[in-house]
């Protein structure tokens, strides 16, 4: 079963780095990178950097009661 966002292309001005997504969500950058690689959040790898959207992070957090490891200060 393919993810529902297979053909999704958000506007370029909505893209954020996983570092920014980590700051937004409180989840660790490494955990978000793992989720992106597994297709559990919408993300696009451009070169060596993963980009996602604030909406994708909010949807993931809304659907998961235990979203993953938190970011350390």
N, C-alpha and C. Protein backbone atom coordinates (compact mmCIF):
# COMPACT_ATOMS: atom_id res chain seq x y z
N UNK A 1 0.84 -1.19 0.00
CA UNK A 1 0.00 0.00 0.00
C UNK A 1 0.88 1.25 0.00
N UNK A 2 0.67 2.11 -0.98
CA UNK A 2 1.48 3.31 -1.10
C UNK A 2 0.92 4.43 -0.22
N UNK A 3 1.81 5.28 0.31
CA UNK A 3 1.33 6.41 1.12
C UNK A 3 0.43 7.31 0.28
N UNK A 4 -0.56 7.92 0.93
CA UNK A 4 -1.51 8.76 0.23
C UNK A 4 -0.88 10.01 -0.37
N UNK A 5 0.31 10.36 0.04
CA UNK A 5 0.95 11.59 -0.44
C UNK A 5 1.97 11.30 -1.54
N UNK A 6 1.87 10.13 -2.18
CA UNK A 6 2.83 9.73 -3.21
C UNK A 6 3.05 10.82 -4.26
N UNK A 7 2.00 11.45 -4.75
CA UNK A 7 2.11 12.47 -5.79
C UNK A 7 1.99 13.89 -5.26
N UNK A 8 1.98 14.05 -3.95
CA UNK A 8 1.81 15.36 -3.32
C UNK A 8 3.04 16.22 -3.55
N UNK A 9 2.85 17.44 -4.00
CA UNK A 9 3.93 18.40 -4.18
C UNK A 9 3.51 19.73 -3.56
N UNK A 10 3.94 20.00 -2.33
CA UNK A 10 3.56 21.28 -1.69
C UNK A 10 4.27 22.45 -2.36
N UNK A 11 3.71 23.64 -2.22
CA UNK A 11 4.40 24.83 -2.73
C UNK A 11 5.78 24.96 -2.06
N UNK A 12 6.73 25.42 -2.81
CA UNK A 12 8.11 25.49 -2.31
C UNK A 12 8.23 26.36 -1.06
N UNK A 13 7.37 27.37 -0.93
CA UNK A 13 7.47 28.24 0.25
C UNK A 13 6.93 27.57 1.52
N UNK A 14 6.34 26.38 1.41
CA UNK A 14 5.88 25.63 2.57
C UNK A 14 6.91 24.62 3.09
N UNK A 15 7.99 24.42 2.34
CA UNK A 15 9.00 23.44 2.75
C UNK A 15 9.83 23.97 3.91
N UNK A 16 10.11 23.06 4.86
CA UNK A 16 10.97 23.39 5.99
C UNK A 16 11.98 22.26 6.17
N UNK A 17 13.11 22.58 6.73
CA UNK A 17 14.13 21.56 6.99
C UNK A 17 13.69 20.69 8.16
N UNK A 18 14.30 19.52 8.29
CA UNK A 18 13.98 18.66 9.43
C UNK A 18 14.46 19.30 10.73
N UNK A 19 15.47 20.16 10.67
CA UNK A 19 15.90 20.88 11.87
C UNK A 19 14.78 21.80 12.34
N UNK A 20 14.18 22.52 11.40
CA UNK A 20 13.06 23.40 11.75
C UNK A 20 11.86 22.57 12.22
N UNK A 21 11.64 21.43 11.58
CA UNK A 21 10.54 20.54 11.98
C UNK A 21 10.78 20.01 13.40
N UNK A 22 12.03 19.74 13.74
CA UNK A 22 12.36 19.28 15.09
C UNK A 22 12.05 20.37 16.11
N UNK A 23 12.41 21.60 15.78
CA UNK A 23 12.11 22.73 16.67
C UNK A 23 10.60 22.90 16.84
N UNK A 24 9.87 22.73 15.75
CA UNK A 24 8.42 22.89 15.76
C UNK A 24 7.73 21.79 16.57
N UNK A 25 8.18 20.57 16.40
CA UNK A 25 7.50 19.41 16.98
C UNK A 25 8.01 19.00 18.36
N UNK A 26 9.26 19.34 18.64
CA UNK A 26 9.87 18.86 19.88
C UNK A 26 10.47 17.47 19.73
N UNK A 27 10.34 16.86 18.54
CA UNK A 27 10.93 15.55 18.28
C UNK A 27 12.38 15.74 17.84
N UNK A 28 13.18 14.70 17.98
CA UNK A 28 14.58 14.82 17.58
C UNK A 28 14.71 14.80 16.05
N UNK A 29 15.74 15.46 15.56
CA UNK A 29 16.04 15.50 14.13
C UNK A 29 16.25 14.08 13.61
N UNK A 30 16.98 13.26 14.36
CA UNK A 30 17.24 11.88 13.93
C UNK A 30 15.96 11.07 13.79
N UNK A 31 15.03 11.26 14.73
CA UNK A 31 13.77 10.54 14.66
C UNK A 31 12.96 10.99 13.44
N UNK A 32 12.92 12.28 13.18
CA UNK A 32 12.21 12.78 12.00
C UNK A 32 12.85 12.26 10.71
N UNK A 33 14.17 12.18 10.67
CA UNK A 33 14.86 11.64 9.49
C UNK A 33 14.48 10.18 9.28
N UNK A 34 14.39 9.42 10.36
CA UNK A 34 13.98 8.02 10.28
C UNK A 34 12.55 7.91 9.76
N UNK A 35 11.64 8.74 10.29
CA UNK A 35 10.25 8.73 9.83
C UNK A 35 10.16 9.08 8.34
N UNK A 36 10.96 10.05 7.91
CA UNK A 36 10.97 10.45 6.50
C UNK A 36 11.44 9.29 5.63
N UNK A 37 12.51 8.65 6.04
CA UNK A 37 13.05 7.52 5.27
C UNK A 37 12.09 6.35 5.20
N UNK A 38 11.28 6.17 6.24
CA UNK A 38 10.30 5.08 6.28
C UNK A 38 8.99 5.45 5.60
N UNK A 39 8.84 6.71 5.20
CA UNK A 39 7.61 7.15 4.55
C UNK A 39 6.47 7.40 5.52
N UNK A 40 6.78 7.56 6.79
CA UNK A 40 5.73 7.79 7.79
C UNK A 40 5.32 9.26 7.89
N UNK A 41 6.16 10.15 7.38
CA UNK A 41 5.79 11.56 7.21
C UNK A 41 6.12 11.94 5.78
N UNK A 42 5.40 12.93 5.25
CA UNK A 42 5.76 13.39 3.91
C UNK A 42 7.07 14.14 4.02
N UNK A 43 8.01 13.77 3.18
CA UNK A 43 9.30 14.46 3.14
C UNK A 43 9.93 14.19 1.78
N UNK A 44 10.79 15.08 1.37
CA UNK A 44 11.48 14.96 0.09
C UNK A 44 12.96 15.17 0.34
N UNK A 45 13.77 14.27 -0.18
CA UNK A 45 15.22 14.40 -0.03
C UNK A 45 15.75 15.15 -1.24
N UNK A 46 16.39 16.27 -0.98
CA UNK A 46 17.00 17.07 -2.04
C UNK A 46 18.49 17.14 -1.72
N UNK A 47 19.27 16.50 -2.56
CA UNK A 47 20.69 16.37 -2.26
C UNK A 47 20.85 15.49 -1.03
N UNK A 48 21.46 16.01 0.00
CA UNK A 48 21.60 15.23 1.24
C UNK A 48 20.67 15.72 2.35
N UNK A 49 19.81 16.67 2.02
CA UNK A 49 18.91 17.26 3.01
C UNK A 49 17.47 16.80 2.81
N UNK A 50 16.80 16.51 3.92
CA UNK A 50 15.39 16.19 3.90
C UNK A 50 14.59 17.45 4.18
N UNK A 51 13.51 17.65 3.41
CA UNK A 51 12.59 18.75 3.62
C UNK A 51 11.20 18.17 3.84
N UNK A 52 10.41 18.86 4.63
CA UNK A 52 9.04 18.44 4.91
C UNK A 52 8.18 19.70 5.01
N UNK A 53 6.97 19.55 5.49
CA UNK A 53 6.10 20.71 5.69
C UNK A 53 5.60 20.72 7.13
N UNK A 54 5.21 21.89 7.58
CA UNK A 54 4.64 22.02 8.92
C UNK A 54 3.36 21.18 9.01
N UNK A 55 2.58 21.17 7.92
CA UNK A 55 1.34 20.39 7.89
C UNK A 55 1.62 18.89 8.07
N UNK A 56 2.66 18.38 7.42
CA UNK A 56 3.00 16.96 7.54
C UNK A 56 3.37 16.61 8.99
N UNK A 57 4.08 17.49 9.66
CA UNK A 57 4.47 17.25 11.05
C UNK A 57 3.24 17.30 11.96
N UNK A 58 2.37 18.28 11.73
CA UNK A 58 1.15 18.39 12.55
C UNK A 58 0.26 17.16 12.37
N UNK A 59 0.14 16.65 11.13
CA UNK A 59 -0.67 15.46 10.88
C UNK A 59 -0.07 14.24 11.59
N UNK A 60 1.24 14.10 11.54
CA UNK A 60 1.89 12.98 12.21
C UNK A 60 1.65 13.05 13.72
N UNK A 61 1.83 14.22 14.30
CA UNK A 61 1.65 14.37 15.75
C UNK A 61 0.20 14.12 16.16
N UNK A 62 -0.75 14.52 15.32
CA UNK A 62 -2.17 14.34 15.63
C UNK A 62 -2.57 12.86 15.59
N UNK A 63 -1.90 12.07 14.79
CA UNK A 63 -2.27 10.66 14.61
C UNK A 63 -1.52 9.71 15.53
N UNK A 64 -0.51 10.18 16.22
CA UNK A 64 0.34 9.30 17.02
C UNK A 64 0.33 9.72 18.48
N UNK A 65 -0.14 8.84 19.33
CA UNK A 65 -0.18 9.15 20.77
C UNK A 65 1.22 9.13 21.39
N UNK A 66 2.11 8.32 20.83
CA UNK A 66 3.50 8.25 21.29
C UNK A 66 4.40 8.51 20.08
N UNK A 67 4.59 9.78 19.72
CA UNK A 67 5.26 10.10 18.46
C UNK A 67 6.75 9.77 18.38
N UNK A 68 7.45 9.61 19.49
CA UNK A 68 8.87 9.27 19.40
C UNK A 68 9.72 10.07 20.37
N UNK A 69 11.04 9.88 20.27
CA UNK A 69 11.95 10.56 21.21
C UNK A 69 11.91 12.07 21.05
N UNK A 70 11.94 12.71 22.18
CA UNK A 70 11.92 14.16 22.23
C UNK A 70 13.33 14.71 22.01
N UNK A 71 13.36 15.93 21.53
CA UNK A 71 14.60 16.65 21.31
C UNK A 71 15.24 16.99 22.65
N UNK A 72 16.55 16.85 22.73
CA UNK A 72 17.26 17.24 23.95
C UNK A 72 17.69 18.69 23.84
N UNK A 73 17.67 19.42 24.93
CA UNK A 73 17.99 20.86 24.89
C UNK A 73 19.43 21.16 24.52
